[in-house]
Structure formats: C-alpha cells, structure tokens
Amino acid sequence: MLDRAATAHTSLIRVIANWHDIAPTRPRNPSDPADPAYHFEGFDDLVWQSGLRGIRVLLTVWGTPRWASASHKLNASPRPSDLGGFCTALATRYSGHYRGRMFVGYYSVWNEPNKEQFLSPQFDAHRRDVAPKVYAAMFRSCAAGIKKASPQALVAIGETSPRGSDRPRGVVQASHSPGRFAQLLAQARPQLRFDAWAHHPYPQGYRGSPTASFSWPNVGVGNLPRFESRLTALFHRRVPLWLTEFAYQTAPEQPSGVTYAQQAAYLGRAFDASVNVPSVGMFVWYIFRDTVGQRWQSGVLRRNSQPNPSYFTFRSKAAQHDVANPTIVVPPRPDPRVPLSVVDFKADQVPGDPPIGMTYRVFDTRGNLAVIGQARAIVPLQGTIDVVLRFRPQPARTYVALIDLNDIHGHTSQRRARLLVTRR
C-alpha cells in the first residue's frame, strides 16, 4: 500500500502510536526505548519503508495503558510524568541517531482531547471545565520529552474534533467545541510552546458540505480562517494549522455514505478551500484504503485495492504540492534555490556516507536549455536539501529544472521542479 501511496504523491502518513499497545506493562526505565516493556514491533519497519518511498511520518501519541490511570481506560487522563517518559522513549527511538531507525520529524499529542470518548473527564462533578487544563499538562510533559530527545522534531497540540457541546452531558457525550477548548487551554497555559495546532475539520454528518461553516465555536473547513485568527489572538503569534483528519465515507461500504463520485468532488473542494488558508501546512485524508471490519470506510482505494474516483483527485491535488517535485515562486535574481525533499536518500544513508551528487538541467517553456550544472549536498536529518541553480532567471518566465540525483549506494532518482519567476 505504501507503493500506491507514493505513486499518488503522498508526502506524509499519520500513524497512531498507541501507548496502551506499545507499553502494556509499566517500564522500569520509561525514557529508554530499549526497555523490555516496550513493543515497537512494526513501527521501525513502517517508518523505514515509508522513508524509502520518500514519505514522512507523523506519529500521534494516544491511548492510556491500564497501569497509567486509576480507571484503567484508554481515554483516561494519565499522569503527565508517565506520558512524558513514553514520549521521550518514542522520540529517542526515532531521533535519527540509531542506525536502521529513521528520523521522525512530526508528532502530535493525543487524539480529539476535546471529546470524552478520547479524554476523560471533560468536566468535574461541579460541571466545571477540566479537560483543557488536564490536556495542557499532558501536552507540556509529552512535548518536553520529544524535544529533549529530538530537538528538530515538530510537535502539534490539539488534534481537535470539529464539534463539541461545551456541556457536561451533550447529545452523545461530554465535549468541548474546538474554539472553546483552545480558549480554555490558552487561559490555563498562555505561554505553552508548540509548533502547530492539529485539527479534524470533518463535515456535518455523512453528507454535509465540504466547505460549510459551522456555528462558532465549532470549526469546519469554512471556519478555518476564523480559527486561524483566533489562535493567533489567543497565543499572540502565528499558529500553523495541520489538518490531520478529513474524509467522506462511501456507500455501499457505509450505507449512509456519499457516492464514489461525490467523494471525489468533495475531496477536491475541501482540499482547495483548506490550502487557501495561509496557515494550513498539512492535509491528511482518513483513510487511504478500506479494510473489512474497519469502522470507517472512506478510503480512496477499495477493499480490493481498486481505485475510487477520489484516488485520482487525491493524486492530482497532491501532485500540485509534491515536496519532492516542487513548484516554487522565485524573484528574477541569480542562483535561485530549490528546496527538495530527499527523504528516500536519507533512508539509505549510513554514518560516514559522502554527500549525494546531482546534475541539473534547466529549460524554458520552449524547451531551450538555460543552464546545466552539477552539485553535491549533505542530506540533513530532516531530509530536505537546497539545490542552487547557477543561472539568472528572466522576469515573468517559467522554467523547469530536471535534477538527477545519485548516492554511493547506487540509489538514483530524477526530480522535476517548476520555477515561476516574478516580474521583479
């Protein structure tokens, strides 16, 4: 399935790091990923296999082990110190400093902590809000552990559900709206440090409009500009938004779902509306392929791996934002720089490897060769390099750069970058 994802220009996958499953018993040394209580089976290979295909991984920490709470439930609020130990071990394992284990540069803490289904309690016996303050302590401890072990990793707060009742007993469960949750969290910890706010702007029900605005302080795709402004005001700085879940289920897999054609159309509309919000830097579709027995049936691939129409929409939209084959805007100045994702080359590297080599050729829209050159680059931990093209682009022109890459292990790849040159 990773091959299909790579072919569809997927640049990142989100994986739940279920603490409950990874640490079913209390570790004697919680910060040590080699503690025998930890079971990372499958994670190492998934991270590495993703990297070989140029795909980064976002790990979302969730799921309280029985030993870490009084209620012994997955959604129970854990002791922050216990969570911090686990987060330290997780980030240490994927810090990029251990041979055979790739660097993971994206993390988020908990899943939909504004809903009792995922974090309990939301309110105390006197109907007072408690979840935002509890979550603030959880996030602070987990993020500190991640940053200590892997300083270059980015850690997102939130992972909020789109809707909430802001009442101890809602129609379905106790919950907070994302706008209210963010407000109370900022009040509890106004100086809290985080790299992004993760959010799930799902539509209303199974068939709601993909770009609808909800009644504030609920947040759908249509509310993202307001949410962006609100987060800036609450935390007194620009807050990047990661949209880490969005989807439509399809019929007949889910009888109440939309048609295959509607799913494709709604995916496109939601994606376009989301990426037009300046602070949105990530859009994750949930899920890639349907699986028998799974609760959600929203894949762009069917259970037999045949593509739905939404697969082609996904591939087309993702190609426009492909970090391995980017489209960039540059001024008409000498030596433009092209940021290029080479995660697949980083996956092959071992300590002491020489820089990767490259030959680039730049063409104008008529196919005329503008420049040919060679360069070398050391691949940093994050897996992104800057390729300097030694020529002066002309104003208001478009160029295509073909970049042939190679390393000492025989790994080769050709990348394509499109340069849109401004008038001045």
Protein backbone atom coordinates (compact mmCIF):
# COMPACT_ATOMS: atom_id res chain seq x y z
CA MET A 1 0.00 0.00 0.00
CA LEU A 2 2.95 2.35 0.59
CA ASP A 3 3.89 1.96 -3.09
CA ARG A 4 0.40 3.09 -4.11
CA ALA A 5 0.59 6.00 -1.67
CA ALA A 6 3.95 7.08 -3.09
CA THR A 7 2.61 6.86 -6.64
CA ALA A 8 -0.21 9.19 -5.56
CA HIS A 9 2.38 11.80 -4.44
CA THR A 10 1.73 11.20 -0.74
CA SER A 11 4.37 13.11 1.23
CA LEU A 12 3.29 12.15 4.78
CA ILE A 13 1.29 9.48 6.57
CA ARG A 14 -0.21 9.75 10.04
CA VAL A 15 0.24 6.78 12.37
CA ILE A 16 -1.27 6.36 15.84
CA ALA A 17 1.42 5.47 18.38
CA ASN A 18 -0.91 3.69 20.79
CA TRP A 19 0.78 3.90 24.17
CA HIS A 20 -1.59 1.24 25.55
CA ASP A 21 -0.38 -1.31 22.98
CA ILE A 22 3.28 -0.31 22.95
CA ALA A 23 3.61 -0.40 26.75
CA PRO A 24 1.07 -2.92 28.13
CA THR A 25 3.13 -3.13 31.33
CA ARG A 26 4.92 -0.37 33.20
CA PRO A 27 8.54 0.02 32.02
CA ARG A 28 11.26 0.13 34.65
CA ASN A 29 13.06 2.86 32.69
CA PRO A 30 10.28 4.75 30.86
CA SER A 31 12.61 7.05 28.90
CA ASP A 32 14.61 4.17 27.44
CA PRO A 33 13.19 2.80 24.16
CA ALA A 34 15.13 -0.42 24.75
CA ASP A 35 13.21 -1.17 27.97
CA PRO A 36 11.76 -4.69 27.55
CA ALA A 37 8.27 -3.46 28.46
CA TYR A 38 8.12 -1.57 25.16
CA HIS A 39 6.90 -3.26 21.97
CA PHE A 40 7.74 -1.22 18.88
CA GLU A 41 7.31 -4.17 16.54
CA GLY A 42 6.14 -2.94 13.19
CA PHE A 43 6.87 0.73 13.81
CA ASP A 44 10.56 0.52 12.87
CA ASP A 45 9.81 -1.12 9.54
CA LEU A 46 6.86 1.17 8.77
CA VAL A 47 8.93 4.31 9.37
CA TRP A 48 11.85 2.98 7.32
CA GLN A 49 9.73 1.62 4.46
CA SER A 50 7.90 4.95 4.29
CA GLY A 51 11.21 6.80 4.13
CA LEU A 52 12.49 4.59 1.31
CA ARG A 53 9.50 5.82 -0.70
CA GLY A 54 10.06 9.46 0.19
CA ILE A 55 7.17 9.56 2.66
CA ARG A 56 7.49 11.22 6.06
CA VAL A 57 5.65 10.00 9.17
CA LEU A 58 3.54 11.87 11.71
CA LEU A 59 3.22 9.95 14.99
CA THR A 60 0.16 10.75 17.11
CA VAL A 61 0.52 9.67 20.73
CA TRP A 62 -2.71 8.32 22.23
CA GLY A 63 -4.15 5.59 24.45
CA THR A 64 -3.59 5.36 28.20
CA PRO A 65 -2.24 1.97 29.42
CA ARG A 66 -4.15 0.29 32.23
CA TRP A 67 -1.27 0.85 34.63
CA ALA A 68 -1.14 4.62 33.96
CA SER A 69 -4.57 5.62 35.28
CA ALA A 70 -6.99 4.83 38.08
CA SER A 71 -9.88 3.92 35.76
CA HIS A 72 -7.75 1.62 33.54
CA LYS A 73 -9.42 3.02 30.39
CA LEU A 74 -7.88 4.09 27.08
CA ASN A 75 -9.41 7.56 27.33
CA ALA A 76 -8.42 8.21 30.96
CA SER A 77 -6.21 11.19 31.65
CA PRO A 78 -2.79 9.76 32.53
CA ARG A 79 -0.18 11.05 34.92
CA PRO A 80 1.77 13.63 32.89
CA SER A 81 5.11 12.27 34.12
CA ASP A 82 4.26 8.78 32.82
CA LEU A 83 3.25 10.19 29.45
CA GLY A 84 6.42 12.28 29.32
CA GLY A 85 8.56 9.18 29.84
CA PHE A 86 6.86 7.37 26.98
CA CYS A 87 7.17 10.36 24.65
CA THR A 88 10.87 10.60 25.46
CA ALA A 89 11.37 6.93 24.59
CA LEU A 90 9.37 7.23 21.36
CA ALA A 91 11.25 10.31 20.13
CA THR A 92 14.60 8.84 21.18
CA ARG A 93 13.95 5.74 19.10
CA TYR A 94 13.16 7.86 16.04
CA SER A 95 15.64 10.69 16.62
CA GLY A 96 17.72 9.61 13.61
CA HIS A 97 20.72 8.78 15.76
CA TYR A 98 20.25 5.00 15.71
CA ARG A 99 21.33 3.01 12.69
CA GLY A 100 18.41 1.39 10.93
CA ARG A 101 15.84 3.70 12.54
CA MET A 102 14.88 6.78 10.60
CA PHE A 103 14.21 10.23 11.92
CA VAL A 104 10.55 11.10 12.58
CA GLY A 105 10.08 14.84 12.39
CA TYR A 106 6.37 15.22 13.16
CA TYR A 107 4.46 14.38 16.33
CA SER A 108 1.08 15.26 17.80
CA VAL A 109 -0.23 14.65 21.29
CA TRP A 110 -3.48 12.74 21.82
CA ASN A 111 -6.49 12.31 19.57
CA GLU A 112 -9.53 14.60 19.87
CA PRO A 113 -8.92 15.54 23.52
CA ASN A 114 -11.99 17.79 23.40
CA LYS A 115 -14.25 14.67 23.43
CA GLU A 116 -14.86 12.36 26.37
CA GLN A 117 -14.54 9.39 24.01
CA PHE A 118 -10.81 10.14 23.85
CA LEU A 119 -10.02 12.10 27.03
CA SER A 120 -11.92 11.78 30.28
CA PRO A 121 -13.02 13.63 32.28
CA GLN A 122 -14.10 16.69 30.28
CA PHE A 123 -15.89 18.24 33.27
CA ASP A 124 -15.79 17.66 37.03
CA ALA A 125 -18.68 16.82 39.36
CA HIS A 126 -19.46 20.53 39.70
CA ARG A 127 -19.79 20.92 35.90
CA ARG A 128 -16.53 22.85 35.64
CA ASP A 129 -14.25 22.54 32.61
CA VAL A 130 -11.26 20.33 33.40
CA ALA A 131 -10.14 18.70 30.14
CA PRO A 132 -8.30 21.74 28.69
CA LYS A 133 -6.19 22.18 31.82
CA VAL A 134 -5.55 18.43 32.10
CA TYR A 135 -4.59 18.27 28.46
CA ALA A 136 -2.27 21.26 28.78
CA ALA A 137 -0.29 19.39 31.44
CA MET A 138 -0.25 16.23 29.32
CA PHE A 139 0.95 18.08 26.25
CA ARG A 140 3.59 20.02 28.16
CA SER A 141 5.12 16.83 29.56
CA CYS A 142 4.97 14.88 26.28
CA ALA A 143 6.32 17.74 24.15
CA ALA A 144 9.17 18.32 26.58
CA GLY A 145 10.14 14.65 26.28
CA ILE A 146 10.02 14.75 22.48
CA LYS A 147 12.04 17.96 22.23
CA LYS A 148 14.63 16.69 24.71
CA ALA A 149 15.19 13.51 22.69
CA SER A 150 14.75 15.01 19.21
CA PRO A 151 15.13 18.82 19.22
CA GLN A 152 14.46 19.20 15.50
CA ALA A 153 11.11 17.42 15.63
CA LEU A 154 7.90 19.45 15.36
CA VAL A 155 5.14 18.79 17.89
CA ALA A 156 1.49 19.72 17.33
CA ILE A 157 -1.08 20.39 20.01
CA GLY A 158 -4.83 19.92 19.64
CA GLU A 159 -5.87 17.13 17.26
CA THR A 160 -9.30 18.56 18.00
CA SER A 161 -12.65 17.24 16.84
CA PRO A 162 -14.69 19.74 14.75
CA ARG A 163 -17.65 19.97 17.12
CA GLY A 164 -18.50 19.94 20.80
CA SER A 165 -21.43 20.81 23.06
CA ASP A 166 -19.49 22.68 25.79
CA ARG A 167 -21.74 20.89 28.27
CA PRO A 168 -21.08 18.05 30.73
CA ARG A 169 -23.77 15.99 29.05
CA GLY A 170 -24.07 16.56 25.34
CA VAL A 171 -26.35 14.73 22.93
CA VAL A 172 -23.80 11.92 22.62
CA GLN A 173 -21.03 12.66 25.13
CA ALA A 174 -19.42 15.39 27.19
CA SER A 175 -17.30 17.52 24.89
CA HIS A 176 -15.82 20.92 24.19
CA SER A 177 -16.01 22.80 20.92
CA PRO A 178 -12.55 23.34 19.40
CA GLY A 179 -12.80 27.13 19.70
CA ARG A 180 -13.75 26.92 23.37
CA PHE A 181 -11.14 24.23 24.04
CA ALA A 182 -8.39 26.40 22.56
CA GLN A 183 -9.55 29.40 24.59
CA LEU A 184 -9.53 27.48 27.88
CA LEU A 185 -6.19 25.87 27.07
CA ALA A 186 -4.65 29.28 26.39
CA GLN A 187 -6.03 30.55 29.69
CA ALA A 188 -4.57 27.57 31.55
CA ARG A 189 -1.16 27.80 29.88
CA PRO A 190 -0.79 31.10 27.97
CA GLN A 191 2.95 30.53 27.37
CA LEU A 192 2.61 26.92 26.20
CA ARG A 193 5.14 26.16 23.48
CA PHE A 194 4.05 24.14 20.44
CA ASP A 195 4.80 24.06 16.72
CA ALA A 196 1.30 23.72 15.23
CA TRP A 197 -2.35 23.18 16.07
CA ALA A 198 -3.74 19.92 14.64
CA HIS A 199 -7.44 19.78 13.79
CA HIS A 200 -10.03 17.49 12.17
CA PRO A 201 -12.49 19.69 10.17
CA TYR A 202 -14.90 16.88 9.29
CA PRO A 203 -18.17 17.81 7.58
CA GLN A 204 -21.57 17.63 9.29
CA GLY A 205 -22.82 14.05 9.36
CA TYR A 206 -22.14 11.76 6.42
CA ARG A 207 -23.13 14.12 3.63
CA GLY A 208 -22.53 17.69 4.80
CA SER A 209 -20.97 20.28 2.52
CA PRO A 210 -17.16 20.01 2.40
CA THR A 211 -16.67 23.75 2.82
CA ALA A 212 -19.53 24.56 5.20
CA SER A 213 -19.09 26.89 8.18
CA PHE A 214 -20.36 25.60 11.50
CA SER A 215 -21.90 27.58 14.32
CA TRP A 216 -18.91 29.06 16.15
CA PRO A 217 -17.02 27.92 18.24
CA ASN A 218 -17.30 24.69 16.21
CA VAL A 219 -14.79 24.55 13.35
CA GLY A 220 -15.29 23.03 9.91
CA VAL A 221 -13.38 23.83 6.74
CA GLY A 222 -15.38 27.01 6.27
CA ASN A 223 -14.36 28.23 9.74
CA LEU A 224 -10.62 27.75 9.25
CA PRO A 225 -9.84 31.43 8.50
CA ARG A 226 -11.60 32.47 11.72
CA PHE A 227 -9.93 29.68 13.69
CA GLU A 228 -6.57 30.81 12.30
CA SER A 229 -7.20 34.36 13.52
CA ARG A 230 -8.49 33.17 16.88
CA LEU A 231 -5.43 31.02 17.56
CA THR A 232 -3.18 33.95 16.67
CA ALA A 233 -5.03 36.15 19.17
CA LEU A 234 -5.02 33.52 21.93
CA PHE A 235 -1.33 32.63 21.69
CA HIS A 236 -0.02 36.00 20.44
CA ARG A 237 1.79 34.54 17.44
CA ARG A 238 1.07 32.94 14.10
CA VAL A 239 -0.03 29.33 14.65
CA PRO A 240 0.41 26.83 11.78
CA LEU A 241 -2.59 24.54 11.22
CA TRP A 242 -2.22 20.84 10.49
CA LEU A 243 -5.42 19.22 9.20
CA THR A 244 -4.68 15.67 10.27
CA GLU A 245 -8.05 14.03 9.55
CA PHE A 246 -10.71 14.67 6.93
CA ALA A 247 -12.85 12.24 4.97
CA TYR A 248 -16.16 11.16 3.50
CA GLN A 249 -17.35 7.58 3.82
CA THR A 250 -18.82 5.96 0.73
CA ALA A 251 -21.82 3.76 0.01
CA PRO A 252 -22.33 0.84 -0.21
CA GLU A 253 -19.43 0.20 2.23
CA GLN A 254 -21.13 2.64 4.62
CA PRO A 255 -24.85 2.69 3.73
CA SER A 256 -25.25 6.32 4.79
CA GLY A 257 -22.18 7.46 2.87
CA VAL A 258 -21.85 9.51 -0.29
CA THR A 259 -21.41 8.12 -3.79
CA TYR A 260 -17.93 7.50 -5.17
CA ALA A 261 -18.30 10.50 -7.49
CA GLN A 262 -19.40 12.75 -4.63
CA GLN A 263 -16.45 11.65 -2.51
CA ALA A 264 -14.06 12.65 -5.29
CA ALA A 265 -15.73 16.04 -5.79
CA TYR A 266 -15.90 16.78 -2.06
CA LEU A 267 -12.26 15.82 -1.55
CA GLY A 268 -11.21 18.31 -4.21
CA ARG A 269 -13.35 21.13 -2.85
CA ALA A 270 -12.22 20.60 0.75
CA PHE A 271 -8.57 20.42 -0.25
CA ASP A 272 -8.70 23.59 -2.35
CA ALA A 273 -10.50 25.55 0.38
CA SER A 274 -8.07 24.31 3.04
CA VAL A 275 -4.82 25.08 1.24
CA ASN A 276 -6.07 28.60 0.51
CA VAL A 277 -5.90 29.32 4.26
CA PRO A 278 -2.36 30.72 4.74
CA SER A 279 -1.57 28.88 7.96
CA VAL A 280 -2.59 25.41 6.71
CA GLY A 281 0.54 23.35 6.14
CA MET A 282 -0.82 19.81 6.18
CA PHE A 283 -3.88 17.95 4.87
CA VAL A 284 -4.35 14.26 5.75
CA TRP A 285 -7.12 12.15 4.22
CA TYR A 286 -8.50 9.45 6.52
CA ILE A 287 -8.09 6.69 5.28
CA PHE A 288 -6.14 5.55 2.20
CA ARG A 289 -7.68 2.08 1.71
CA ASP A 290 -10.84 0.47 3.06
CA THR A 291 -10.44 -2.67 5.17
CA VAL A 292 -13.05 -5.32 6.01
CA GLY A 293 -14.23 -4.89 9.59
CA GLN A 294 -12.90 -1.37 9.95
CA ARG A 295 -15.35 1.16 11.36
CA TRP A 296 -14.53 3.85 8.79
CA GLN A 297 -14.91 3.16 5.07
CA SER A 298 -13.58 6.33 3.48
CA GLY A 299 -10.61 5.05 1.51
CA VAL A 300 -9.60 6.33 -1.89
CA LEU A 301 -8.84 2.67 -2.59
CA ARG A 302 -11.49 -0.03 -2.15
CA ARG A 303 -11.02 -3.17 -0.09
CA ASN A 304 -9.65 -4.97 -3.14
CA SER A 305 -7.20 -2.06 -3.73
CA GLN A 306 -9.07 -0.88 -6.83
CA PRO A 307 -9.10 2.93 -7.01
CA ASN A 308 -12.19 5.01 -6.38
CA PRO A 309 -12.57 8.20 -8.43
CA SER A 310 -11.31 10.02 -5.31
CA TYR A 311 -7.91 8.35 -5.75
CA PHE A 312 -7.33 10.28 -8.97
CA THR A 313 -8.49 13.51 -7.34
CA PHE A 314 -6.15 12.86 -4.41
CA ARG A 315 -3.25 12.14 -6.75
CA SER A 316 -3.89 15.25 -8.82
CA LYS A 317 -4.16 17.56 -5.79
CA ALA A 318 -1.16 16.03 -4.02
CA ALA A 319 0.98 16.40 -7.16
CA GLN A 320 0.45 20.16 -7.01
CA HIS A 321 2.11 20.20 -3.58
CA ASP A 322 4.68 17.43 -4.08
CA VAL A 323 7.71 18.34 -1.94
CA ALA A 324 9.90 16.00 -4.00
CA ASN A 325 8.88 17.71 -7.27
CA PRO A 326 8.02 21.22 -6.14
CA THR A 327 6.57 24.27 -7.82
CA ILE A 328 8.13 27.42 -6.37
CA VAL A 329 7.93 31.16 -6.92
CA VAL A 330 11.31 32.93 -7.25
CA PRO A 331 12.42 36.51 -7.96
CA PRO A 332 14.46 37.30 -11.13
CA ARG A 333 17.77 37.12 -9.29
CA PRO A 334 20.85 34.95 -9.80
CA ASP A 335 21.15 31.45 -8.37
CA PRO A 336 17.59 30.56 -7.27
CA ARG A 337 17.32 27.91 -4.56
CA VAL A 338 15.01 24.93 -4.90
CA PRO A 339 14.04 23.16 -1.63
CA LEU A 340 13.91 19.47 -2.45
CA SER A 341 12.75 16.56 -0.31
CA VAL A 342 15.21 13.65 -0.50
CA VAL A 343 13.88 11.53 2.35
CA ASP A 344 14.35 8.42 0.22
CA PHE A 345 18.09 9.11 0.04
CA LYS A 346 18.24 9.70 3.80
CA ALA A 347 16.68 6.26 4.35
CA ASP A 348 19.62 4.66 2.52
CA GLN A 349 22.39 6.52 4.32
CA VAL A 350 24.76 5.22 6.93
CA PRO A 351 27.18 7.29 9.05
CA GLY A 352 30.19 8.47 7.08
CA ASP A 353 28.49 8.47 3.69
CA PRO A 354 29.70 11.19 1.30
CA PRO A 355 27.27 13.84 0.01
CA ILE A 356 24.80 12.88 -2.69
CA GLY A 357 25.60 14.05 -6.20
CA MET A 358 23.34 15.75 -8.71
CA THR A 359 23.25 17.02 -12.27
CA TYR A 360 20.63 19.63 -13.10
CA ARG A 361 19.32 20.92 -16.40
CA VAL A 362 17.03 23.94 -16.60
CA PHE A 363 14.75 24.57 -19.58
CA ASP A 364 12.46 27.44 -20.53
CA THR A 365 8.90 26.87 -21.79
CA ARG A 366 10.12 26.48 -25.38
CA GLY A 367 12.43 23.66 -24.40
CA ASN A 368 15.60 25.72 -24.70
CA LEU A 369 18.37 24.76 -22.28
CA ALA A 370 19.06 27.64 -19.90
CA VAL A 371 21.81 26.01 -17.84
CA ILE A 372 23.37 22.67 -16.99
CA GLY A 373 25.37 22.14 -13.83
CA GLN A 374 26.45 19.78 -11.09
CA ALA A 375 26.42 19.99 -7.32
CA ARG A 376 26.70 17.91 -4.17
CA ALA A 377 24.71 18.09 -0.95
CA ILE A 378 24.86 16.62 2.51
CA VAL A 379 21.41 15.30 3.41
CA PRO A 380 20.37 16.72 6.80
CA LEU A 381 18.31 14.94 9.41
CA GLN A 382 15.00 16.30 8.10
CA GLY A 383 15.73 15.03 4.57
CA THR A 384 15.37 18.35 2.69
CA ILE A 385 18.19 19.99 0.72
CA ASP A 386 18.51 23.29 -1.14
CA VAL A 387 19.58 22.92 -4.77
CA VAL A 388 21.21 26.10 -6.06
CA LEU A 389 20.69 26.56 -9.80
CA ARG A 390 23.55 28.64 -11.18
CA PHE A 391 21.77 30.92 -13.62
CA ARG A 392 19.78 34.16 -13.68
CA PRO A 393 16.07 33.60 -14.43
CA GLN A 394 14.32 36.20 -16.56
CA PRO A 395 11.35 38.13 -15.14
CA ALA A 396 7.84 36.71 -15.64
CA ARG A 397 9.14 33.48 -17.12
CA THR A 398 8.58 29.83 -16.24
CA TYR A 399 11.35 27.25 -16.09
CA VAL A 400 11.53 23.51 -15.50
CA ALA A 401 14.53 22.02 -13.72
CA LEU A 402 15.29 18.32 -14.15
CA ILE A 403 17.52 17.17 -11.31
CA ASP A 404 19.23 13.76 -11.49
CA LEU A 405 20.32 12.54 -8.04
CA ASN A 406 22.62 9.69 -7.05
CA ASP A 407 24.38 8.34 -3.97
CA ILE A 408 27.21 5.96 -3.10
CA HIS A 409 24.75 3.06 -2.69
CA GLY A 410 23.59 3.24 -6.30
CA HIS A 411 20.29 4.93 -5.47
CA THR A 412 19.25 7.23 -8.33
CA SER A 413 16.21 9.42 -8.89
CA GLN A 414 15.11 12.22 -11.19
CA ARG A 415 13.17 15.15 -9.73
CA ARG A 416 11.28 17.89 -11.52
CA ALA A 417 10.99 21.42 -10.16
CA ARG A 418 8.89 24.17 -11.72
CA LEU A 419 10.07 27.75 -11.23
CA LEU A 420 7.59 30.61 -11.58
CA VAL A 421 9.57 33.85 -11.83
CA THR A 422 8.04 37.09 -10.58
CA ARG A 423 8.26 40.33 -12.56
CA ARG A 424 10.72 41.86 -10.13
